[in-house]
Amino acid sequence: MRISLLAACLALLAANAGAQIRDSQDYREGYRRGYDDGFASGYRKGLEERPQGAPPAAAPAAPRPTGPITVSTAYYGTSSKSCDATRWVAHRVNGRRTASFQVTNDMCGDPSRGDRKELEVTYVCGSIAKTASANEHRTIYLDCTS
């Protein structure tokens, strides 16, 4: 019984010491240096494996939005009560490159009287999906130019 109690106490002390070491500044600094050294080593190896004379690979250019606005969904309300404003929004903005309008209860009524509401619109510019949102009594902007 005494041996198992002693073993348990030693295990607890070792675990506590391990936690203190992991929390120490020296441990964190050593971990960061090891990470940085490993990253640098991997980067150098990648450069060495690159075909001779080939320039470093450039990051691919982000696709530019093209095409007019096409509304996918538009929901107006709170997280628990909302209404579908898709037809109202689509009627006003589909086919345009940019659009803005005031967010009001005119879109589909007041789904949550007395609560602060938000309009969230998901739309497509060519092949690029985008979202826009604005609170009630604010202006929402939809843009397919950038």
C-alpha atoms as a PDB file:
ATOM      1  CA  MET A   1       0.000   0.000   0.000  1.00  0.00           C
ATOM      2  CA  ARG A   2       2.827   2.415   0.903  1.00  0.00           C
ATOM      3  CA  ILE A   3       4.699   1.666  -2.328  1.00  0.00           C
ATOM      4  CA  SER A   4       1.684   2.431  -4.529  1.00  0.00           C
ATOM      5  CA  LEU A   5       1.043   5.659  -2.578  1.00  0.00           C
ATOM      6  CA  LEU A   6       4.693   6.627  -2.994  1.00  0.00           C
ATOM      7  CA  ALA A   7       4.554   5.807  -6.724  1.00  0.00           C
ATOM      8  CA  ALA A   8       1.398   7.917  -7.124  1.00  0.00           C
ATOM      9  CA  CYS A   9       3.031  10.868  -5.332  1.00  0.00           C
ATOM     10  CA  LEU A  10       6.150  10.615  -7.523  1.00  0.00           C
ATOM     11  CA  ALA A  11       4.020  10.446 -10.683  1.00  0.00           C
ATOM     12  CA  LEU A  12       2.082  13.542  -9.570  1.00  0.00           C
ATOM     13  CA  LEU A  13       5.296  15.449  -8.863  1.00  0.00           C
ATOM     14  CA  ALA A  14       6.755  14.437 -12.240  1.00  0.00           C
ATOM     15  CA  ALA A  15       3.601  15.543 -14.067  1.00  0.00           C
ATOM     16  CA  ASN A  16       3.588  18.864 -12.221  1.00  0.00           C
ATOM     17  CA  ALA A  17       7.274  19.430 -13.029  1.00  0.00           C
ATOM     18  CA  GLY A  18       6.600  18.592 -16.680  1.00  0.00           C
ATOM     19  CA  ALA A  19       3.790  21.161 -16.805  1.00  0.00           C
ATOM     20  CA  GLN A  20       6.051  23.805 -15.243  1.00  0.00           C
ATOM     21  CA  ILE A  21       8.794  23.080 -17.786  1.00  0.00           C
ATOM     22  CA  ARG A  22       6.323  23.330 -20.704  1.00  0.00           C
ATOM     23  CA  ASP A  23       5.084  26.662 -19.355  1.00  0.00           C
ATOM     24  CA  SER A  24       8.560  28.122 -18.942  1.00  0.00           C
ATOM     25  CA  GLN A  25       9.877  30.824 -21.264  1.00  0.00           C
ATOM     26  CA  ASP A  26      12.938  28.721 -22.167  1.00  0.00           C
ATOM     27  CA  TYR A  27      10.754  25.817 -23.280  1.00  0.00           C
ATOM     28  CA  ARG A  28       8.567  28.065 -25.448  1.00  0.00           C
ATOM     29  CA  GLU A  29      11.604  29.784 -26.967  1.00  0.00           C
ATOM     30  CA  GLY A  30      13.222  26.421 -27.749  1.00  0.00           C
ATOM     31  CA  TYR A  31      10.016  25.159 -29.316  1.00  0.00           C
ATOM     32  CA  ARG A  32       9.760  28.305 -31.500  1.00  0.00           C
ATOM     33  CA  ARG A  33      13.404  27.997 -32.604  1.00  0.00           C
ATOM     34  CA  GLY A  34      12.880  24.338 -33.488  1.00  0.00           C
ATOM     35  CA  TYR A  35       9.816  25.223 -35.533  1.00  0.00           C
ATOM     36  CA  ASP A  36      11.638  28.042 -37.347  1.00  0.00           C
ATOM     37  CA  ASP A  37      14.660  25.815 -38.067  1.00  0.00           C
ATOM     38  CA  GLY A  38      12.437  23.041 -39.432  1.00  0.00           C
ATOM     39  CA  PHE A  39      10.546  25.453 -41.653  1.00  0.00           C
ATOM     40  CA  ALA A  40      13.766  26.971 -43.021  1.00  0.00           C
ATOM     41  CA  SER A  41      15.186  23.492 -43.678  1.00  0.00           C
ATOM     42  CA  GLY A  42      12.069  22.418 -45.578  1.00  0.00           C
ATOM     43  CA  TYR A  43      12.086  25.625 -47.616  1.00  0.00           C
ATOM     44  CA  ARG A  44      15.737  25.113 -48.592  1.00  0.00           C
ATOM     45  CA  LYS A  45      15.030  21.509 -49.569  1.00  0.00           C
ATOM     46  CA  GLY A  46      12.110  22.623 -51.751  1.00  0.00           C
ATOM     47  CA  LEU A  47      14.360  25.131 -53.526  1.00  0.00           C
ATOM     48  CA  GLU A  48      17.002  22.441 -54.095  1.00  0.00           C
ATOM     49  CA  GLU A  49      14.457  20.049 -55.624  1.00  0.00           C
ATOM     50  CA  ARG A  50      13.179  22.657 -58.066  1.00  0.00           C
ATOM     51  CA  PRO A  51      14.273  22.070 -61.683  1.00  0.00           C
ATOM     52  CA  GLN A  52      17.457  23.959 -62.599  1.00  0.00           C
ATOM     53  CA  GLY A  53      16.840  27.407 -64.004  1.00  0.00           C
ATOM     54  CA  ALA A  54      13.175  27.413 -63.048  1.00  0.00           C
ATOM     55  CA  PRO A  55      12.116  30.537 -61.193  1.00  0.00           C
ATOM     56  CA  PRO A  56      10.390  30.150 -57.841  1.00  0.00           C
ATOM     57  CA  ALA A  57       6.729  29.363 -58.343  1.00  0.00           C
ATOM     58  CA  ALA A  58       4.538  32.441 -58.159  1.00  0.00           C
ATOM     59  CA  ALA A  59       1.320  32.342 -56.220  1.00  0.00           C
ATOM     60  CA  PRO A  60      -1.646  31.828 -58.530  1.00  0.00           C
ATOM     61  CA  ALA A  61      -3.582  34.996 -59.242  1.00  0.00           C
ATOM     62  CA  ALA A  62      -6.933  35.239 -57.546  1.00  0.00           C
ATOM     63  CA  PRO A  63      -9.805  34.976 -59.999  1.00  0.00           C
ATOM     64  CA  ARG A  64     -11.407  38.315 -60.782  1.00  0.00           C
ATOM     65  CA  PRO A  65     -15.150  38.576 -60.499  1.00  0.00           C
ATOM     66  CA  THR A  66     -16.811  38.762 -63.865  1.00  0.00           C
ATOM     67  CA  GLY A  67     -20.359  38.964 -64.969  1.00  0.00           C
ATOM     68  CA  PRO A  68     -23.331  40.704 -63.473  1.00  0.00           C
ATOM     69  CA  ILE A  69     -24.854  40.135 -60.043  1.00  0.00           C
ATOM     70  CA  THR A  70     -27.063  37.060 -59.713  1.00  0.00           C
ATOM     71  CA  VAL A  71     -28.697  36.732 -56.297  1.00  0.00           C
ATOM     72  CA  SER A  72     -28.745  33.192 -54.871  1.00  0.00           C
ATOM     73  CA  THR A  73     -30.378  33.814 -51.481  1.00  0.00           C
ATOM     74  CA  ALA A  74     -31.387  36.739 -49.314  1.00  0.00           C
ATOM     75  CA  TYR A  75     -32.647  36.326 -45.758  1.00  0.00           C
ATOM     76  CA  TYR A  76     -33.821  39.147 -43.525  1.00  0.00           C
ATOM     77  CA  GLY A  77     -34.338  38.908 -39.773  1.00  0.00           C
ATOM     78  CA  THR A  78     -32.677  37.557 -36.657  1.00  0.00           C
ATOM     79  CA  SER A  79     -30.932  34.237 -36.026  1.00  0.00           C
ATOM     80  CA  SER A  80     -34.230  32.725 -34.822  1.00  0.00           C
ATOM     81  CA  LYS A  81     -36.825  34.487 -37.009  1.00  0.00           C
ATOM     82  CA  SER A  82     -36.291  35.469 -40.628  1.00  0.00           C
ATOM     83  CA  CYS A  83     -38.075  35.809 -43.928  1.00  0.00           C
ATOM     84  CA  ASP A  84     -36.985  35.027 -47.482  1.00  0.00           C
ATOM     85  CA  ALA A  85     -36.220  38.300 -49.292  1.00  0.00           C
ATOM     86  CA  THR A  86     -34.585  36.643 -52.308  1.00  0.00           C
ATOM     87  CA  ARG A  87     -37.203  37.648 -54.896  1.00  0.00           C
ATOM     88  CA  TRP A  88     -37.362  41.253 -53.656  1.00  0.00           C
ATOM     89  CA  VAL A  89     -33.557  41.684 -53.727  1.00  0.00           C
ATOM     90  CA  ALA A  90     -33.072  39.797 -57.024  1.00  0.00           C
ATOM     91  CA  HIS A  91     -35.709  41.953 -58.753  1.00  0.00           C
ATOM     92  CA  ARG A  92     -33.725  45.099 -57.862  1.00  0.00           C
ATOM     93  CA  VAL A  93     -30.105  44.004 -58.422  1.00  0.00           C
ATOM     94  CA  ASN A  94     -29.831  41.037 -60.822  1.00  0.00           C
ATOM     95  CA  GLY A  95     -27.967  41.953 -64.007  1.00  0.00           C
ATOM     96  CA  ARG A  96     -26.153  44.958 -62.528  1.00  0.00           C
ATOM     97  CA  ARG A  97     -22.413  45.150 -61.772  1.00  0.00           C
ATOM     98  CA  THR A  98     -22.943  47.083 -58.520  1.00  0.00           C
ATOM     99  CA  ALA A  99     -26.005  47.762 -56.457  1.00  0.00           C
ATOM    100  CA  SER A 100     -26.923  49.343 -53.155  1.00  0.00           C
ATOM    101  CA  PHE A 101     -30.193  49.820 -51.310  1.00  0.00           C
ATOM    102  CA  GLN A 102     -31.591  50.547 -47.855  1.00  0.00           C
ATOM    103  CA  VAL A 103     -32.367  47.508 -45.664  1.00  0.00           C
ATOM    104  CA  THR A 104     -35.961  47.876 -44.414  1.00  0.00           C
ATOM    105  CA  ASN A 105     -39.053  45.858 -43.505  1.00  0.00           C
ATOM    106  CA  ASP A 106     -40.387  46.579 -47.021  1.00  0.00           C
ATOM    107  CA  MET A 107     -38.427  43.566 -48.321  1.00  0.00           C
ATOM    108  CA  CYS A 108     -40.661  40.901 -46.748  1.00  0.00           C
ATOM    109  CA  GLY A 109     -42.315  42.368 -43.665  1.00  0.00           C
ATOM    110  CA  ASP A 110     -41.091  42.463 -40.065  1.00  0.00           C
ATOM    111  CA  PRO A 111     -40.154  38.896 -39.083  1.00  0.00           C
ATOM    112  CA  SER A 112     -39.172  39.809 -35.516  1.00  0.00           C
ATOM    113  CA  ARG A 113     -40.930  42.931 -34.239  1.00  0.00           C
ATOM    114  CA  GLY A 114     -38.781  44.979 -31.858  1.00  0.00           C
ATOM    115  CA  ASP A 115     -35.550  43.078 -32.559  1.00  0.00           C
ATOM    116  CA  ARG A 116     -32.537  44.280 -34.500  1.00  0.00           C
ATOM    117  CA  LYS A 117     -32.585  42.585 -37.901  1.00  0.00           C
ATOM    118  CA  GLU A 118     -29.984  41.926 -40.584  1.00  0.00           C
ATOM    119  CA  LEU A 119     -30.117  41.165 -44.303  1.00  0.00           C
ATOM    120  CA  GLU A 120     -27.665  38.536 -45.565  1.00  0.00           C
ATOM    121  CA  VAL A 121     -27.340  38.183 -49.333  1.00  0.00           C
ATOM    122  CA  THR A 122     -25.456  35.438 -51.167  1.00  0.00           C
ATOM    123  CA  TYR A 123     -24.821  36.249 -54.806  1.00  0.00           C
ATOM    124  CA  VAL A 124     -22.652  35.207 -57.733  1.00  0.00           C
ATOM    125  CA  CYS A 125     -20.403  37.300 -59.969  1.00  0.00           C
ATOM    126  CA  GLY A 126     -19.677  35.054 -62.962  1.00  0.00           C
ATOM    127  CA  SER A 127     -18.178  32.028 -61.181  1.00  0.00           C
ATOM    128  CA  ILE A 128     -17.270  33.822 -57.938  1.00  0.00           C
ATOM    129  CA  ALA A 129     -19.659  33.418 -54.982  1.00  0.00           C
ATOM    130  CA  LYS A 130     -19.891  36.407 -52.628  1.00  0.00           C
ATOM    131  CA  THR A 131     -21.878  37.484 -49.601  1.00  0.00           C
ATOM    132  CA  ALA A 132     -22.930  40.852 -48.261  1.00  0.00           C
ATOM    133  CA  SER A 133     -24.828  41.828 -45.147  1.00  0.00           C
ATOM    134  CA  ALA A 134     -26.165  44.934 -43.467  1.00  0.00           C
ATOM    135  CA  ASN A 135     -28.303  45.742 -40.447  1.00  0.00           C
ATOM    136  CA  GLU A 136     -31.812  47.175 -40.650  1.00  0.00           C
ATOM    137  CA  HIS A 137     -31.896  50.895 -41.594  1.00  0.00           C
ATOM    138  CA  ARG A 138     -28.419  50.647 -43.160  1.00  0.00           C
ATOM    139  CA  THR A 139     -27.302  50.461 -46.775  1.00  0.00           C
ATOM    140  CA  ILE A 140     -26.121  47.176 -48.276  1.00  0.00           C
ATOM    141  CA  TYR A 141     -23.607  47.131 -51.149  1.00  0.00           C
ATOM    142  CA  LEU A 142     -23.268  44.334 -53.698  1.00  0.00           C
ATOM    143  CA  ASP A 143     -20.266  44.560 -56.020  1.00  0.00           C
ATOM    144  CA  CYS A 144     -19.074  42.515 -59.006  1.00  0.00           C
ATOM    145  CA  THR A 145     -16.303  44.909 -60.056  1.00  0.00           C
ATOM    146  CA  SER A 146     -13.599  43.902 -57.580  1.00  0.00           C
END
